Amino acid sequence: MQTIGERLEEARKKKGISIREAADATKIRGDYLQKFEGNQFDIALSEIYVRGFLRNYASFLKLPTDRIINDYTALGRGETRASRPPVREGYGRTGIAPTAAEPGEPVAAPAEVGADPATGRPAPRKRSSAPALPSGPDPALIFRAVKIGGVVLVGLVLLWIIKSLFWGGSTPAAPTTTKSASATRGPAFGLVALKPVQVTVRKKTPTGGEGEILFSGIVAPGDTKIVPRPGAVFIEASAPENLLLEINGARFPMGLRAGEHRGELPAPPTS
């Protein structure tokens, strides 16, 4: 059967902490903890502190405190240490033994130190006003909180990475406000996505170059973006196969060849 000290030492080593770390967590001196683990309970303190420190240390190590205290009491250490024998009192003076009684005369029993002079019974003991033993935070709870926080942080990072890959880039361009057909008071066409796709629409200049950006952003499935069509426009899409053009209520694919991401929409016919 393991001794108290062996159980304490084994539990501490299972937690993977040193005597110094245990002392910092329990606010108990390290040399006291070393003596406890060596089954040495003479630490020049009153019995209430020895029992209190032992209970706190066992609780910190997640050991059954009542069993530890019971085993400690079984060693004969839990009893109050014997104090000096009471000084006999005789004839009202301390330290003077009573004189011998005459033959046949009963000898009065010496009064016990601390007894009530009226009844001769021991006076009730006053409860000690010793301060409560200090206790610190449980390192196991702190480690568990840090572990949970780390898992949540890793999950958020993975979610951000997956979202970035899913939307076609780690830093997608911020969508700009699309001009509506009613606002432009002119021809327009719609962008309809089968899957999320990044689209940029630029106006074609009279010389055939790229002009004003009419729309730039991500088109999500189920959402139709209305883009002005002042003339011929260039349409660039990250996944052209997932994009449809809606013109006069009818939808058409971009019709690009494999590997192409840019096409041209001619100017609307003039009436």
C-alpha atoms as a PDB file:
ATOM      1  CA  MET A   1       0.000   0.000   0.000  1.00  0.00           C
ATOM      2  CA  GLN A   2       1.381   3.379  -0.939  1.00  0.00           C
ATOM      3  CA  THR A   3       2.215   5.913   1.727  1.00  0.00           C
ATOM      4  CA  ILE A   4       0.796   9.434   1.747  1.00  0.00           C
ATOM      5  CA  GLY A   5       4.031  10.852   0.384  1.00  0.00           C
ATOM      6  CA  GLU A   6       4.234   8.305  -2.430  1.00  0.00           C
ATOM      7  CA  ARG A   7       0.668   9.116  -3.530  1.00  0.00           C
ATOM      8  CA  LEU A   8       1.388  12.841  -3.477  1.00  0.00           C
ATOM      9  CA  GLU A   9       4.610  12.488  -5.461  1.00  0.00           C
ATOM     10  CA  GLU A  10       3.048  10.124  -8.020  1.00  0.00           C
ATOM     11  CA  ALA A  11       0.064  12.446  -8.582  1.00  0.00           C
ATOM     12  CA  ARG A  12       2.342  15.478  -9.019  1.00  0.00           C
ATOM     13  CA  LYS A  13       4.560  13.716 -11.551  1.00  0.00           C
ATOM     14  CA  LYS A  14       1.500  12.561 -13.501  1.00  0.00           C
ATOM     15  CA  LYS A  15       0.477  16.221 -13.855  1.00  0.00           C
ATOM     16  CA  GLY A  16       3.965  16.936 -15.188  1.00  0.00           C
ATOM     17  CA  ILE A  17       4.743  19.776 -12.789  1.00  0.00           C
ATOM     18  CA  SER A  18       7.675  20.468 -10.503  1.00  0.00           C
ATOM     19  CA  ILE A  19       7.713  21.180  -6.778  1.00  0.00           C
ATOM     20  CA  ARG A  20       8.283  24.855  -7.545  1.00  0.00           C
ATOM     21  CA  GLU A  21       5.281  25.018  -9.876  1.00  0.00           C
ATOM     22  CA  ALA A  22       3.115  23.261  -7.296  1.00  0.00           C
ATOM     23  CA  ALA A  23       4.292  25.718  -4.622  1.00  0.00           C
ATOM     24  CA  ASP A  24       3.434  28.691  -6.852  1.00  0.00           C
ATOM     25  CA  ALA A  25      -0.034  27.281  -7.562  1.00  0.00           C
ATOM     26  CA  THR A  26      -0.921  26.330  -3.962  1.00  0.00           C
ATOM     27  CA  LYS A  27       0.950  29.180  -2.214  1.00  0.00           C
ATOM     28  CA  ILE A  28       2.618  26.568   0.042  1.00  0.00           C
ATOM     29  CA  ARG A  29       6.392  26.605   0.555  1.00  0.00           C
ATOM     30  CA  GLY A  30       8.274  24.150  -1.607  1.00  0.00           C
ATOM     31  CA  ASP A  31      10.234  22.638   1.286  1.00  0.00           C
ATOM     32  CA  TYR A  32       6.922  21.818   3.023  1.00  0.00           C
ATOM     33  CA  LEU A  33       5.702  20.015  -0.097  1.00  0.00           C
ATOM     34  CA  GLN A  34       8.976  18.090  -0.359  1.00  0.00           C
ATOM     35  CA  LYS A  35       8.617  16.967   3.267  1.00  0.00           C
ATOM     36  CA  PHE A  36       5.015  15.894   2.659  1.00  0.00           C
ATOM     37  CA  GLU A  37       6.134  13.740  -0.274  1.00  0.00           C
ATOM     38  CA  GLY A  38       8.866  12.290   1.969  1.00  0.00           C
ATOM     39  CA  ASN A  39       6.308  11.462   4.709  1.00  0.00           C
ATOM     40  CA  GLN A  40       7.888  14.067   6.990  1.00  0.00           C
ATOM     41  CA  PHE A  41       5.165  16.095   8.672  1.00  0.00           C
ATOM     42  CA  ASP A  42       7.223  17.887  11.338  1.00  0.00           C
ATOM     43  CA  ILE A  43       7.371  21.350   9.768  1.00  0.00           C
ATOM     44  CA  ALA A  44       7.396  23.443  12.945  1.00  0.00           C
ATOM     45  CA  LEU A  45       3.809  24.593  12.458  1.00  0.00           C
ATOM     46  CA  SER A  46       0.651  24.129  14.454  1.00  0.00           C
ATOM     47  CA  GLU A  47      -1.446  21.083  13.656  1.00  0.00           C
ATOM     48  CA  ILE A  48      -4.204  23.117  11.984  1.00  0.00           C
ATOM     49  CA  TYR A  49      -1.728  24.459   9.397  1.00  0.00           C
ATOM     50  CA  VAL A  50      -0.190  21.025   8.751  1.00  0.00           C
ATOM     51  CA  ARG A  51      -3.621  19.507   8.109  1.00  0.00           C
ATOM     52  CA  GLY A  52      -4.724  22.522   6.063  1.00  0.00           C
ATOM     53  CA  PHE A  53      -1.622  22.489   3.854  1.00  0.00           C
ATOM     54  CA  LEU A  54      -1.907  18.723   3.376  1.00  0.00           C
ATOM     55  CA  ARG A  55      -5.595  19.024   2.418  1.00  0.00           C
ATOM     56  CA  ASN A  56      -4.892  21.863  -0.043  1.00  0.00           C
ATOM     57  CA  TYR A  57      -2.023  19.984  -1.686  1.00  0.00           C
ATOM     58  CA  ALA A  58      -4.113  16.805  -2.058  1.00  0.00           C
ATOM     59  CA  SER A  59      -6.995  18.818  -3.552  1.00  0.00           C
ATOM     60  CA  PHE A  60      -4.621  20.509  -6.022  1.00  0.00           C
ATOM     61  CA  LEU A  61      -3.358  17.076  -7.144  1.00  0.00           C
ATOM     62  CA  LYS A  62      -6.982  15.810  -7.525  1.00  0.00           C
ATOM     63  CA  LEU A  63      -6.555  13.215  -4.755  1.00  0.00           C
ATOM     64  CA  PRO A  64      -9.361  12.285  -2.310  1.00  0.00           C
ATOM     65  CA  THR A  65      -8.670  14.781   0.489  1.00  0.00           C
ATOM     66  CA  ASP A  66     -10.741  12.977   3.133  1.00  0.00           C
ATOM     67  CA  ARG A  67      -8.812   9.751   2.572  1.00  0.00           C
ATOM     68  CA  ILE A  68      -5.459  11.565   2.770  1.00  0.00           C
ATOM     69  CA  ILE A  69      -6.448  13.270   6.040  1.00  0.00           C
ATOM     70  CA  ASN A  70      -7.783   9.992   7.488  1.00  0.00           C
ATOM     71  CA  ASP A  71      -4.517   8.214   6.626  1.00  0.00           C
ATOM     72  CA  TYR A  72      -2.605  11.096   8.175  1.00  0.00           C
ATOM     73  CA  THR A  73      -4.695  10.828  11.352  1.00  0.00           C
ATOM     74  CA  ALA A  74      -4.123   7.062  11.426  1.00  0.00           C
ATOM     75  CA  LEU A  75      -0.394   7.752  11.690  1.00  0.00           C
ATOM     76  CA  GLY A  76      -1.070   9.440  15.016  1.00  0.00           C
ATOM     77  CA  ARG A  77      -0.076  12.764  13.526  1.00  0.00           C
ATOM     78  CA  GLY A  78      -3.597  14.203  13.353  1.00  0.00           C
ATOM     79  CA  GLU A  79      -3.959  14.368  17.141  1.00  0.00           C
ATOM     80  CA  THR A  80      -3.106  17.548  18.944  1.00  0.00           C
ATOM     81  CA  ARG A  81       0.538  17.538  19.986  1.00  0.00           C
ATOM     82  CA  ALA A  82       1.063  16.952  23.681  1.00  0.00           C
ATOM     83  CA  SER A  83       1.672  20.155  25.526  1.00  0.00           C
ATOM     84  CA  ARG A  84       3.565  20.684  28.728  1.00  0.00           C
ATOM     85  CA  PRO A  85       1.971  19.044  31.769  1.00  0.00           C
ATOM     86  CA  PRO A  86      -0.138  21.512  33.743  1.00  0.00           C
ATOM     87  CA  VAL A  87       1.629  23.164  36.626  1.00  0.00           C
ATOM     88  CA  ARG A  88       0.165  22.129  39.904  1.00  0.00           C
ATOM     89  CA  GLU A  89      -1.321  24.851  42.032  1.00  0.00           C
ATOM     90  CA  GLY A  90      -1.416  24.696  45.775  1.00  0.00           C
ATOM     91  CA  TYR A  91      -2.647  27.209  48.268  1.00  0.00           C
ATOM     92  CA  GLY A  92      -3.255  29.757  45.539  1.00  0.00           C
ATOM     93  CA  ARG A  93       0.411  29.884  44.380  1.00  0.00           C
ATOM     94  CA  THR A  94       1.707  28.445  41.118  1.00  0.00           C
ATOM     95  CA  GLY A  95       4.508  25.928  41.269  1.00  0.00           C
ATOM     96  CA  ILE A  96       4.149  25.029  44.981  1.00  0.00           C
ATOM     97  CA  ALA A  97       2.956  21.531  45.735  1.00  0.00           C
ATOM     98  CA  PRO A  98       0.458  21.094  48.562  1.00  0.00           C
ATOM     99  CA  THR A  99       1.775  19.888  51.886  1.00  0.00           C
ATOM    100  CA  ALA A 100       1.079  16.407  53.081  1.00  0.00           C
ATOM    101  CA  ALA A 101      -2.339  15.940  54.658  1.00  0.00           C
ATOM    102  CA  GLU A 102      -2.828  14.765  58.146  1.00  0.00           C
ATOM    103  CA  PRO A 103      -3.645  11.091  58.623  1.00  0.00           C
ATOM    104  CA  GLY A 104      -7.294  10.475  57.784  1.00  0.00           C
ATOM    105  CA  GLU A 105      -7.718  13.852  56.095  1.00  0.00           C
ATOM    106  CA  PRO A 106      -8.722  13.682  52.409  1.00  0.00           C
ATOM    107  CA  VAL A 107      -6.308  15.188  49.990  1.00  0.00           C
ATOM    108  CA  ALA A 108      -7.879  17.733  47.595  1.00  0.00           C
ATOM    109  CA  ALA A 109      -7.222  17.090  43.929  1.00  0.00           C
ATOM    110  CA  PRO A 110      -5.063  19.767  42.351  1.00  0.00           C
ATOM    111  CA  ALA A 111      -6.975  22.235  40.240  1.00  0.00           C
ATOM    112  CA  GLU A 112      -6.415  21.823  36.496  1.00  0.00           C
ATOM    113  CA  VAL A 113      -4.847  24.741  34.756  1.00  0.00           C
ATOM    114  CA  GLY A 114      -7.493  26.566  32.744  1.00  0.00           C
ATOM    115  CA  ALA A 115     -10.369  25.130  34.765  1.00  0.00           C
ATOM    116  CA  ASP A 116     -13.356  27.146  35.836  1.00  0.00           C
ATOM    117  CA  PRO A 117     -12.745  28.056  39.506  1.00  0.00           C
ATOM    118  CA  ALA A 118     -16.474  27.874  40.221  1.00  0.00           C
ATOM    119  CA  THR A 119     -17.186  24.380  38.848  1.00  0.00           C
ATOM    120  CA  GLY A 120     -13.719  22.837  38.551  1.00  0.00           C
ATOM    121  CA  ARG A 121     -14.499  21.752  35.003  1.00  0.00           C
ATOM    122  CA  PRO A 122     -12.234  22.603  32.071  1.00  0.00           C
ATOM    123  CA  ALA A 123     -13.107  25.931  30.547  1.00  0.00           C
ATOM    124  CA  PRO A 124     -14.392  25.733  26.967  1.00  0.00           C
ATOM    125  CA  ARG A 125     -11.702  26.270  24.411  1.00  0.00           C
ATOM    126  CA  LYS A 126     -11.873  29.327  22.259  1.00  0.00           C
ATOM    127  CA  ARG A 127     -11.875  28.749  18.558  1.00  0.00           C
ATOM    128  CA  SER A 128      -8.703  29.716  16.860  1.00  0.00           C
ATOM    129  CA  SER A 129      -8.915  32.869  14.807  1.00  0.00           C
ATOM    130  CA  ALA A 130      -6.159  31.703  12.456  1.00  0.00           C
ATOM    131  CA  PRO A 131      -6.540  33.165   8.971  1.00  0.00           C
ATOM    132  CA  ALA A 132      -7.894  30.962   6.198  1.00  0.00           C
ATOM    133  CA  LEU A 133      -5.281  29.126   4.210  1.00  0.00           C
ATOM    134  CA  PRO A 134      -4.524  30.865   0.914  1.00  0.00           C
ATOM    135  CA  SER A 135      -5.515  29.099  -2.265  1.00  0.00           C
ATOM    136  CA  GLY A 136      -4.516  29.880  -5.824  1.00  0.00           C
ATOM    137  CA  PRO A 137      -6.066  29.198  -9.248  1.00  0.00           C
ATOM    138  CA  ASP A 138      -6.106  25.616 -10.440  1.00  0.00           C
ATOM    139  CA  PRO A 139      -3.491  25.212 -13.231  1.00  0.00           C
ATOM    140  CA  ALA A 140      -5.604  22.425 -14.759  1.00  0.00           C
ATOM    141  CA  LEU A 141      -8.500  24.835 -15.332  1.00  0.00           C
ATOM    142  CA  ILE A 142      -6.155  27.449 -16.804  1.00  0.00           C
ATOM    143  CA  PHE A 143      -4.633  24.862 -19.165  1.00  0.00           C
ATOM    144  CA  ARG A 144      -8.099  23.705 -20.229  1.00  0.00           C
ATOM    145  CA  ALA A 145      -9.210  27.287 -20.995  1.00  0.00           C
ATOM    146  CA  VAL A 146      -6.051  27.945 -23.037  1.00  0.00           C
ATOM    147  CA  LYS A 147      -6.548  24.672 -24.931  1.00  0.00           C
ATOM    148  CA  ILE A 148     -10.165  25.527 -25.812  1.00  0.00           C
ATOM    149  CA  GLY A 149      -9.128  29.022 -26.932  1.00  0.00           C
ATOM    150  CA  GLY A 150      -6.421  27.547 -29.159  1.00  0.00           C
ATOM    151  CA  VAL A 151      -8.867  25.133 -30.803  1.00  0.00           C
ATOM    152  CA  VAL A 152     -11.320  27.969 -31.512  1.00  0.00           C
ATOM    153  CA  LEU A 153      -8.535  30.116 -32.988  1.00  0.00           C
ATOM    154  CA  VAL A 154      -7.317  27.301 -35.258  1.00  0.00           C
ATOM    155  CA  GLY A 155     -10.891  26.688 -36.412  1.00  0.00           C
ATOM    156  CA  LEU A 156     -11.353  30.357 -37.327  1.00  0.00           C
ATOM    157  CA  VAL A 157      -8.082  30.370 -39.286  1.00  0.00           C
ATOM    158  CA  LEU A 158      -9.073  27.223 -41.215  1.00  0.00           C
ATOM    159  CA  LEU A 159     -12.504  28.697 -41.948  1.00  0.00           C
ATOM    160  CA  TRP A 160     -10.882  31.864 -43.305  1.00  0.00           C
ATOM    161  CA  ILE A 161      -8.518  29.844 -45.535  1.00  0.00           C
ATOM    162  CA  ILE A 162     -11.353  27.673 -46.913  1.00  0.00           C
ATOM    163  CA  LYS A 163     -13.504  30.723 -47.552  1.00  0.00           C
ATOM    164  CA  SER A 164     -10.629  32.447 -49.356  1.00  0.00           C
ATOM    165  CA  LEU A 165     -10.036  29.430 -51.598  1.00  0.00           C
ATOM    166  CA  PHE A 166     -13.740  28.974 -52.237  1.00  0.00           C
ATOM    167  CA  TRP A 167     -14.213  32.557 -53.344  1.00  0.00           C
ATOM    168  CA  GLY A 168     -11.305  32.362 -55.793  1.00  0.00           C
ATOM    169  CA  GLY A 169      -8.586  34.232 -53.948  1.00  0.00           C
ATOM    170  CA  SER A 170      -7.203  35.143 -50.555  1.00  0.00           C
ATOM    171  CA  THR A 171      -7.851  38.824 -51.043  1.00  0.00           C
ATOM    172  CA  PRO A 172     -10.835  39.208 -53.388  1.00  0.00           C
ATOM    173  CA  ALA A 173     -11.527  42.641 -54.678  1.00  0.00           C
ATOM    174  CA  ALA A 174     -14.198  44.485 -52.761  1.00  0.00           C
ATOM    175  CA  PRO A 175     -17.411  44.578 -54.755  1.00  0.00           C
ATOM    176  CA  THR A 176     -18.326  47.953 -56.066  1.00  0.00           C
ATOM    177  CA  THR A 177     -21.765  49.372 -56.252  1.00  0.00           C
ATOM    178  CA  THR A 178     -23.402  48.300 -59.504  1.00  0.00           C
ATOM    179  CA  LYS A 179     -25.182  50.928 -61.506  1.00  0.00           C
ATOM    180  CA  SER A 180     -28.770  49.927 -62.125  1.00  0.00           C
ATOM    181  CA  ALA A 181     -30.509  50.248 -65.444  1.00  0.00           C
ATOM    182  CA  SER A 182     -32.972  52.763 -64.006  1.00  0.00           C
ATOM    183  CA  ALA A 183     -30.144  54.899 -62.638  1.00  0.00           C
ATOM    184  CA  THR A 184     -28.262  54.970 -65.928  1.00  0.00           C
ATOM    185  CA  ARG A 185     -31.438  55.443 -67.972  1.00  0.00           C
ATOM    186  CA  GLY A 186     -29.985  53.349 -70.753  1.00  0.00           C
ATOM    187  CA  PRO A 187     -29.371  49.804 -71.977  1.00  0.00           C
ATOM    188  CA  ALA A 188     -28.137  47.268 -69.448  1.00  0.00           C
ATOM    189  CA  PHE A 189     -27.540  43.555 -69.091  1.00  0.00           C
ATOM    190  CA  GLY A 190     -27.461  41.132 -66.190  1.00  0.00           C
ATOM    191  CA  LEU A 191     -24.785  38.887 -64.710  1.00  0.00           C
ATOM    192  CA  VAL A 192     -26.154  35.569 -63.375  1.00  0.00           C
ATOM    193  CA  ALA A 193     -23.809  33.108 -61.596  1.00  0.00           C
ATOM    194  CA  LEU A 194     -24.244  29.357 -61.333  1.00  0.00           C
ATOM    195  CA  LYS A 195     -21.422  29.309 -58.770  1.00  0.00           C
ATOM    196  CA  PRO A 196     -19.557  32.184 -57.094  1.00  0.00           C
ATOM    197  CA  VAL A 197     -17.443  33.951 -59.727  1.00  0.00           C
ATOM    198  CA  GLN A 198     -15.317  37.115 -59.755  1.00  0.00           C
ATOM    199  CA  VAL A 199     -16.363  39.410 -62.622  1.00  0.00           C
ATOM    200  CA  THR A 200     -14.963  42.704 -63.953  1.00  0.00           C
ATOM    201  CA  VAL A 201     -16.797  44.683 -66.664  1.00  0.00           C
ATOM    202  CA  ARG A 202     -14.992  47.529 -68.469  1.00  0.00           C
ATOM    203  CA  LYS A 203     -16.232  49.931 -71.104  1.00  0.00           C
ATOM    204  CA  LYS A 204     -14.594  49.637 -74.521  1.00  0.00           C
ATOM    205  CA  THR A 205     -13.162  52.906 -75.789  1.00  0.00           C
ATOM    206  CA  PRO A 206     -13.660  54.082 -79.401  1.00  0.00           C
ATOM    207  CA  THR A 207     -10.031  53.149 -80.076  1.00  0.00           C
ATOM    208  CA  GLY A 208     -10.613  49.569 -78.819  1.00  0.00           C
ATOM    209  CA  GLY A 209      -8.884  49.977 -75.463  1.00  0.00           C
ATOM    210  CA  GLU A 210     -10.165  49.496 -71.941  1.00  0.00           C
ATOM    211  CA  GLY A 211     -12.081  52.345 -70.399  1.00  0.00           C
ATOM    212  CA  GLU A 212     -14.190  52.940 -67.287  1.00  0.00           C
ATOM    213  CA  ILE A 213     -14.885  49.995 -64.935  1.00  0.00           C
ATOM    214  CA  LEU A 214     -18.650  49.462 -64.933  1.00  0.00           C
ATOM    215  CA  PHE A 215     -18.645  46.612 -62.392  1.00  0.00           C
ATOM    216  CA  SER A 216     -16.084  44.682 -60.342  1.00  0.00           C
ATOM    217  CA  GLY A 217     -16.979  42.169 -57.682  1.00  0.00           C
ATOM    218  CA  ILE A 218     -18.190  38.677 -56.841  1.00  0.00           C
ATOM    219  CA  VAL A 219     -21.499  37.432 -58.219  1.00  0.00           C
ATOM    220  CA  ALA A 220     -23.077  34.854 -55.912  1.00  0.00           C
ATOM    221  CA  PRO A 221     -25.491  32.103 -57.019  1.00  0.00           C
ATOM    222  CA  GLY A 222     -29.086  33.294 -57.118  1.00  0.00           C
ATOM    223  CA  ASP A 223     -28.057  36.949 -57.364  1.00  0.00           C
ATOM    224  CA  THR A 224     -28.350  38.966 -60.573  1.00  0.00           C
ATOM    225  CA  LYS A 225     -26.091  41.986 -61.044  1.00  0.00           C
ATOM    226  CA  ILE A 226     -27.419  44.622 -63.434  1.00  0.00           C
ATOM    227  CA  VAL A 227     -24.612  46.376 -65.337  1.00  0.00           C
ATOM    228  CA  PRO A 228     -25.007  49.397 -67.641  1.00  0.00           C
ATOM    229  CA  ARG A 229     -24.314  48.783 -71.340  1.00  0.00           C
ATOM    230  CA  PRO A 230     -23.451  52.168 -72.841  1.00  0.00           C
ATOM    231  CA  GLY A 231     -21.746  50.432 -75.746  1.00  0.00           C
ATOM    232  CA  ALA A 232     -19.369  47.550 -76.339  1.00  0.00           C
ATOM    233  CA  VAL A 233     -17.916  46.182 -73.080  1.00  0.00           C
ATOM    234  CA  PHE A 234     -15.194  43.753 -72.038  1.00  0.00           C
ATOM    235  CA  ILE A 235     -16.228  41.027 -69.571  1.00  0.00           C
ATOM    236  CA  GLU A 236     -13.545  39.176 -67.549  1.00  0.00           C
ATOM    237  CA  ALA A 237     -14.572  36.270 -65.298  1.00  0.00           C
ATOM    238  CA  SER A 238     -12.572  33.951 -63.046  1.00  0.00           C
ATOM    239  CA  ALA A 239     -14.758  30.990 -64.129  1.00  0.00           C
ATOM    240  CA  PRO A 240     -16.608  31.892 -67.385  1.00  0.00           C
ATOM    241  CA  GLU A 241     -18.394  28.528 -67.439  1.00  0.00           C
ATOM    242  CA  ASN A 242     -20.228  29.541 -64.231  1.00  0.00           C
ATOM    243  CA  LEU A 243     -21.460  32.882 -65.619  1.00  0.00           C
ATOM    244  CA  LEU A 244     -24.541  33.655 -67.739  1.00  0.00           C
ATOM    245  CA  LEU A 245     -25.423  36.945 -69.433  1.00  0.00           C
ATOM    246  CA  GLU A 246     -29.034  38.058 -69.218  1.00  0.00           C
ATOM    247  CA  ILE A 247     -30.097  40.261 -72.125  1.00  0.00           C
ATOM    248  CA  ASN A 248     -33.722  41.260 -72.714  1.00  0.00           C
ATOM    249  CA  GLY A 249     -34.918  38.478 -70.399  1.00  0.00           C
ATOM    250  CA  ALA A 250     -32.952  35.727 -72.129  1.00  0.00           C
ATOM    251  CA  ARG A 251     -29.806  34.129 -70.680  1.00  0.00           C
ATOM    252  CA  PHE A 252     -26.735  33.199 -72.703  1.00  0.00           C
ATOM    253  CA  PRO A 253     -23.350  31.642 -71.775  1.00  0.00           C
ATOM    254  CA  MET A 254     -20.254  33.668 -72.458  1.00  0.00           C
ATOM    255  CA  GLY A 255     -19.214  31.162 -75.124  1.00  0.00           C
ATOM    256  CA  LEU A 256     -15.484  31.362 -74.505  1.00  0.00           C
ATOM    257  CA  ARG A 257     -13.036  28.637 -75.421  1.00  0.00           C
ATOM    258  CA  ALA A 258     -11.249  26.591 -72.771  1.00  0.00           C
ATOM    259  CA  GLY A 259      -8.629  28.630 -70.960  1.00  0.00           C
ATOM    260  CA  GLU A 260     -10.136  31.997 -71.974  1.00  0.00           C
ATOM    261  CA  HIS A 261     -11.404  34.290 -69.243  1.00  0.00           C
ATOM    262  CA  ARG A 262     -12.247  37.414 -71.195  1.00  0.00           C
ATOM    263  CA  GLY A 263     -14.841  38.176 -73.811  1.00  0.00           C
ATOM    264  CA  GLU A 264     -16.487  41.133 -75.524  1.00  0.00           C
ATOM    265  CA  LEU A 265     -20.148  42.031 -75.534  1.00  0.00           C
ATOM    266  CA  PRO A 266     -21.018  44.179 -78.564  1.00  0.00           C
ATOM    267  CA  ALA A 267     -22.875  47.421 -78.225  1.00  0.00           C
ATOM    268  CA  PRO A 268     -26.645  47.099 -78.073  1.00  0.00           C
ATOM    269  CA  PRO A 269     -28.432  47.634 -81.380  1.00  0.00           C
ATOM    270  CA  THR A 270     -29.727  51.140 -81.953  1.00  0.00           C
ATOM    271  CA  SER A 271     -33.398  51.590 -82.677  1.00  0.00           C
END
